[in-house]
Every structure is written in C-alpha cells, then in structure tokens.
Amino acid sequence: WRYLTHHLDQLPRDAHSHRLHFVLPFAYATGLRLSELVDAKIGRLYTMPLRDSLGVRWMLKVRGKGGKWRAVPIPEGVLLALGEYLTRRGLSLDPLANPPEAPLIARLGGNEPVSPSSLYKALRALFQGAADALRAEGRMQEAKDFDRATVHWLRHTRGNHLGLAGVPPNLIQKLLGHASLATTSIYTESDEERVWQELADLEAADAD
C-alpha cells in the first residue's frame, strides 16, 4: 500500500493523476465496491455532530448489494482530497455547496459520472504501472502481486489493515457491507505473515 501511494505521487500531474489522488484514498478508506464507487453522489454526503467534543463527522450514504443502504465514515484526509478534486472540476471546495446529483468520481474533463469500466481501467493502469516500476527495480514477486491486483484489492487491503489493527469484526462488517460476519472473519484471523513477523521479531531480540 505504501509503495502504491508513493508510486502515485511520482506520476506527472494531469487530469488523470489528479483524479487518482482522490479516488485511491477514497476507495481505500471506505472499502467501497466498484459499483458503489461510481454510484456515490455529493447529495449522499452529510455531517453529524460529535457526541463528546466540538466538530462534526462526515458520512456517506452508500447503496450496496441488494439495494441495502449503509453509512460509511469519510476521514478528514479524504475530505481534503475531495475538496481539491472538486475545485479542479470547477465545483465548490465545500462539497455540500455543490449540486446533490454531482458524482463524487467523474469522467475526465467533466462532471458526468464515470463508468464502472473506465474507473476499473484507470485503477488497473495504476496497479500495472506500479508492477512495471517494481520489475525495473528487480522485485519480481512484488510486481506479480500488482499484476493481479484489481479494484477489489483495495477493499481487501482495507479490511486486512483494520483486522491487523484490532478493529472489532462487527465494525469492519458494517464498513464493508458484508451480509455475513463469516465473510469479515477472513480479515481478523491471524495469518502466516503475522506469525512470520512475530518470530522474526523474537529472533532479532535474541540476537541483541
């Protein structure tokens, strides 16, 4: 994930990369499916006051599988990226000051909704570019991982990161819109890499 975001930062700044600077953190932070990303609209953003402090939290109403709705948090960093992206589209920096039907992710050079195939191709091109850069560095195995990455990889990455951070499974389930908690459990179980890392840390401590 860190490599991918670094790779994006190295790309020339044009309409394509400016859009990706919003799309990538937005897709990762929310864990939305491809269909949910292209369906997201300005009018589904809303704010709620915080219970125990000043300020508000930003949320997005998402229409998921089976037409079921859920509320997804929008982190501050994503909100800032959205504001910059909107101004580049000729819209207001304040999301709520824009037409409610305006899509969060638009076609290049306009404010019409992006198609699922176009967004898929844009993200696949980003992953492929990262794979090519890794190959140029001689990191063949990591390159193969990005060769296989799709938009859904961002959703899985978010789930894995939250699971490793100890976020309760029921909260991950709410974010990702899983119908069954069993689906979410794949992100919260200890995996081989975690075992490997624990043993490597112990070995390093013994060496000291």
Protein backbone atom coordinates (compact mmCIF):
# COMPACT_ATOMS: atom_id res chain seq x y z
CA TRP A 1 0.00 0.00 0.00
CA ARG A 2 2.79 2.44 0.90
CA TYR A 3 4.58 1.59 -2.33
CA LEU A 4 1.42 2.21 -4.36
CA THR A 5 0.76 5.63 -2.81
CA HIS A 6 4.41 6.58 -3.34
CA HIS A 7 4.18 5.46 -6.96
CA LEU A 8 1.11 7.65 -7.48
CA ASP A 9 2.95 10.65 -6.03
CA GLN A 10 5.67 10.22 -8.67
CA LEU A 11 3.27 10.39 -11.62
CA PRO A 12 3.06 13.57 -13.73
CA ARG A 13 0.28 15.85 -12.57
CA ASP A 14 -2.53 15.78 -15.11
CA ALA A 15 -6.31 15.31 -15.04
CA HIS A 16 -5.86 11.53 -14.76
CA SER A 17 -3.45 11.58 -11.80
CA HIS A 18 -5.36 14.37 -10.03
CA ARG A 19 -8.47 12.20 -10.10
CA LEU A 20 -6.49 9.23 -8.77
CA HIS A 21 -5.22 11.34 -5.88
CA PHE A 22 -8.82 11.39 -4.67
CA VAL A 23 -10.01 8.00 -5.92
CA LEU A 24 -7.22 5.94 -4.35
CA PRO A 25 -7.57 7.18 -0.73
CA PHE A 26 -11.36 7.34 -1.08
CA ALA A 27 -11.65 3.75 -2.31
CA TYR A 28 -9.21 2.52 0.34
CA ALA A 29 -10.67 4.41 3.31
CA THR A 30 -14.27 3.43 2.57
CA GLY A 31 -13.71 -0.08 1.21
CA LEU A 32 -16.44 0.50 -1.37
CA ARG A 33 -17.12 -1.93 -4.20
CA LEU A 34 -16.59 -0.72 -7.78
CA SER A 35 -20.34 -0.33 -8.30
CA GLU A 36 -20.61 1.67 -5.07
CA LEU A 37 -17.74 3.97 -6.02
CA VAL A 38 -19.32 5.02 -9.32
CA ASP A 39 -22.75 5.37 -7.69
CA ALA A 40 -21.55 7.75 -4.93
CA LYS A 41 -23.01 11.26 -5.17
CA ILE A 42 -22.49 14.59 -3.44
CA GLY A 43 -26.06 14.55 -2.14
CA ARG A 44 -25.35 11.44 -0.11
CA LEU A 45 -22.71 13.18 1.98
CA TYR A 46 -23.85 14.51 5.34
CA THR A 47 -22.43 15.67 8.67
CA MET A 48 -23.27 14.73 12.24
CA PRO A 49 -22.14 16.49 15.44
CA LEU A 50 -19.63 14.65 17.61
CA ARG A 51 -21.02 13.46 20.93
CA ASP A 52 -18.14 14.26 23.25
CA SER A 53 -16.30 17.13 21.53
CA LEU A 54 -16.69 20.06 19.18
CA GLY A 55 -16.78 19.40 15.47
CA VAL A 56 -18.62 17.12 13.09
CA ARG A 57 -18.07 13.78 11.43
CA TRP A 58 -18.59 13.36 7.70
CA MET A 59 -20.50 10.36 6.47
CA LEU A 60 -21.58 8.95 3.12
CA LYS A 61 -24.78 7.02 2.48
CA VAL A 62 -23.89 4.03 0.30
CA ARG A 63 -26.29 1.85 -1.67
CA GLY A 64 -24.79 -1.63 -1.58
CA LYS A 65 -25.70 -5.10 -2.70
CA GLY A 66 -29.41 -5.84 -2.84
CA GLY A 67 -30.18 -2.13 -2.62
CA LYS A 68 -29.25 -2.07 1.07
CA TRP A 69 -28.05 1.24 2.47
CA ARG A 70 -25.24 1.78 4.97
CA ALA A 71 -23.37 4.78 6.36
CA VAL A 72 -19.62 4.97 5.74
CA PRO A 73 -17.25 7.43 7.52
CA ILE A 74 -15.26 9.87 5.40
CA PRO A 75 -11.88 10.62 7.06
CA GLU A 76 -10.56 14.16 7.10
CA GLY A 77 -7.74 13.38 4.68
CA VAL A 78 -10.19 12.02 2.12
CA LEU A 79 -12.43 15.06 2.60
CA LEU A 80 -9.49 17.38 1.86
CA ALA A 81 -8.63 15.36 -1.27
CA LEU A 82 -12.27 15.56 -2.34
CA GLY A 83 -12.31 19.36 -1.96
CA GLU A 84 -9.22 19.73 -4.14
CA TYR A 85 -10.63 17.32 -6.72
CA LEU A 86 -13.95 19.20 -6.84
CA THR A 87 -12.25 22.56 -7.42
CA ARG A 88 -10.34 21.07 -10.35
CA ARG A 89 -13.72 20.11 -11.78
CA GLY A 90 -14.92 23.73 -11.48
CA LEU A 91 -17.08 23.00 -8.43
CA SER A 92 -17.07 24.41 -4.91
CA LEU A 93 -14.42 23.44 -2.37
CA ASP A 94 -17.28 22.81 0.08
CA PRO A 95 -18.82 19.50 -1.01
CA LEU A 96 -22.27 20.38 0.31
CA ALA A 97 -22.37 23.59 -1.76
CA ASN A 98 -22.42 21.58 -4.97
CA PRO A 99 -25.38 20.06 -6.87
CA PRO A 100 -26.54 16.97 -4.97
CA GLU A 101 -26.63 14.86 -8.13
CA ALA A 102 -22.95 15.55 -8.91
CA PRO A 103 -20.91 12.33 -8.73
CA LEU A 104 -18.02 12.02 -6.31
CA ILE A 105 -15.98 10.46 -9.13
CA ALA A 106 -16.47 11.98 -12.57
CA ARG A 107 -15.30 11.40 -16.10
CA LEU A 108 -12.13 13.20 -17.11
CA GLY A 109 -12.81 16.76 -18.19
CA GLY A 110 -16.37 16.95 -16.92
CA ASN A 111 -18.85 16.29 -14.13
CA GLU A 112 -20.67 13.33 -15.60
CA PRO A 113 -20.48 10.05 -13.63
CA VAL A 114 -17.55 7.82 -14.52
CA SER A 115 -18.48 4.40 -15.89
CA PRO A 116 -17.51 1.25 -13.98
CA SER A 117 -15.31 0.10 -16.86
CA SER A 118 -13.46 3.42 -17.08
CA LEU A 119 -12.76 3.53 -13.35
CA TYR A 120 -11.68 -0.11 -13.39
CA LYS A 121 -9.26 0.56 -16.25
CA ALA A 122 -7.85 3.67 -14.54
CA LEU A 123 -7.05 1.80 -11.34
CA ARG A 124 -5.74 -1.24 -13.21
CA ALA A 125 -3.39 1.06 -15.13
CA LEU A 126 -2.13 2.43 -11.81
CA PHE A 127 -1.52 -1.08 -10.47
CA GLN A 128 0.20 -2.09 -13.71
CA GLY A 129 2.42 0.97 -13.56
CA ALA A 130 3.46 0.03 -10.03
CA ALA A 131 4.17 -3.52 -11.23
CA ASP A 132 6.37 -2.22 -14.05
CA ALA A 133 8.26 0.04 -11.64
CA LEU A 134 8.87 -2.89 -9.29
CA ARG A 135 10.15 -5.03 -12.15
CA ALA A 136 12.58 -2.27 -13.08
CA GLU A 137 13.89 -2.50 -9.51
CA GLY A 138 14.31 -6.27 -9.82
CA ARG A 139 11.46 -7.01 -7.38
CA MET A 140 9.74 -9.63 -9.49
CA GLN A 141 7.48 -11.25 -6.87
CA GLU A 142 6.04 -7.96 -5.70
CA ALA A 143 5.48 -7.00 -9.34
CA LYS A 144 3.42 -10.16 -9.85
CA ASP A 145 1.19 -9.18 -6.92
CA PHE A 146 0.35 -5.86 -8.57
CA ASP A 147 -0.12 -7.59 -11.93
CA ARG A 148 -3.02 -9.48 -10.34
CA ALA A 149 -4.48 -6.53 -8.38
CA THR A 150 -7.97 -5.29 -9.24
CA VAL A 151 -10.21 -2.61 -7.75
CA HIS A 152 -11.41 -5.18 -5.20
CA TRP A 153 -7.85 -5.42 -3.93
CA LEU A 154 -8.30 -2.00 -2.30
CA ARG A 155 -11.34 -3.31 -0.41
CA HIS A 156 -9.42 -6.37 0.80
CA THR A 157 -6.43 -4.23 1.75
CA ARG A 158 -8.61 -2.00 3.91
CA GLY A 159 -10.22 -4.99 5.59
CA ASN A 160 -6.85 -6.59 6.29
CA HIS A 161 -5.37 -3.39 7.72
CA LEU A 162 -8.35 -2.88 10.03
CA GLY A 163 -8.21 -6.51 11.17
CA LEU A 164 -4.50 -6.28 11.95
CA ALA A 165 -5.15 -3.04 13.85
CA GLY A 166 -7.57 -4.88 16.11
CA VAL A 167 -10.79 -3.24 14.91
CA PRO A 168 -13.75 -5.42 16.03
CA PRO A 169 -15.13 -7.67 13.28
CA ASN A 170 -18.65 -6.25 13.57
CA LEU A 171 -17.36 -2.74 12.80
CA ILE A 172 -15.41 -3.98 9.77
CA GLN A 173 -18.58 -5.76 8.66
CA LYS A 174 -20.55 -2.50 8.88
CA LEU A 175 -17.94 -0.58 6.89
CA LEU A 176 -17.62 -3.13 4.10
CA GLY A 177 -21.32 -4.00 3.97
CA HIS A 178 -20.88 -7.75 4.39
CA ALA A 179 -24.14 -9.63 4.84
CA SER A 180 -22.41 -12.26 6.97
CA LEU A 181 -19.87 -11.80 9.74
CA ALA A 182 -18.23 -15.00 8.49
CA THR A 183 -17.11 -13.11 5.38
CA THR A 184 -15.49 -10.44 7.55
CA SER A 185 -13.65 -13.03 9.66
CA ILE A 186 -11.02 -13.54 6.94
CA TYR A 187 -9.63 -10.12 7.86
CA THR A 188 -9.44 -10.75 11.60
CA GLU A 189 -7.76 -14.15 11.80
CA SER A 190 -4.00 -14.43 12.35
CA ASP A 191 -2.26 -15.11 9.06
CA GLU A 192 1.06 -16.63 8.06
CA GLU A 193 2.76 -13.27 7.62
CA ARG A 194 1.81 -12.19 11.12
CA VAL A 195 3.28 -15.42 12.55
CA TRP A 196 6.42 -14.87 10.45
CA GLN A 197 6.77 -11.30 11.71
CA GLU A 198 6.37 -12.31 15.34
CA LEU A 199 9.07 -14.97 15.00
CA ALA A 200 11.36 -12.58 13.15
CA ASP A 201 10.96 -10.01 15.93
CA LEU A 202 11.81 -12.65 18.56
CA GLU A 203 14.85 -13.77 16.60
CA ALA A 204 16.06 -10.18 16.32
CA ALA A 205 15.59 -9.69 20.06
CA ASP A 206 17.57 -12.85 20.82
CA ALA A 207 20.40 -11.66 18.57
CA ASP A 208 20.66 -8.44 20.55
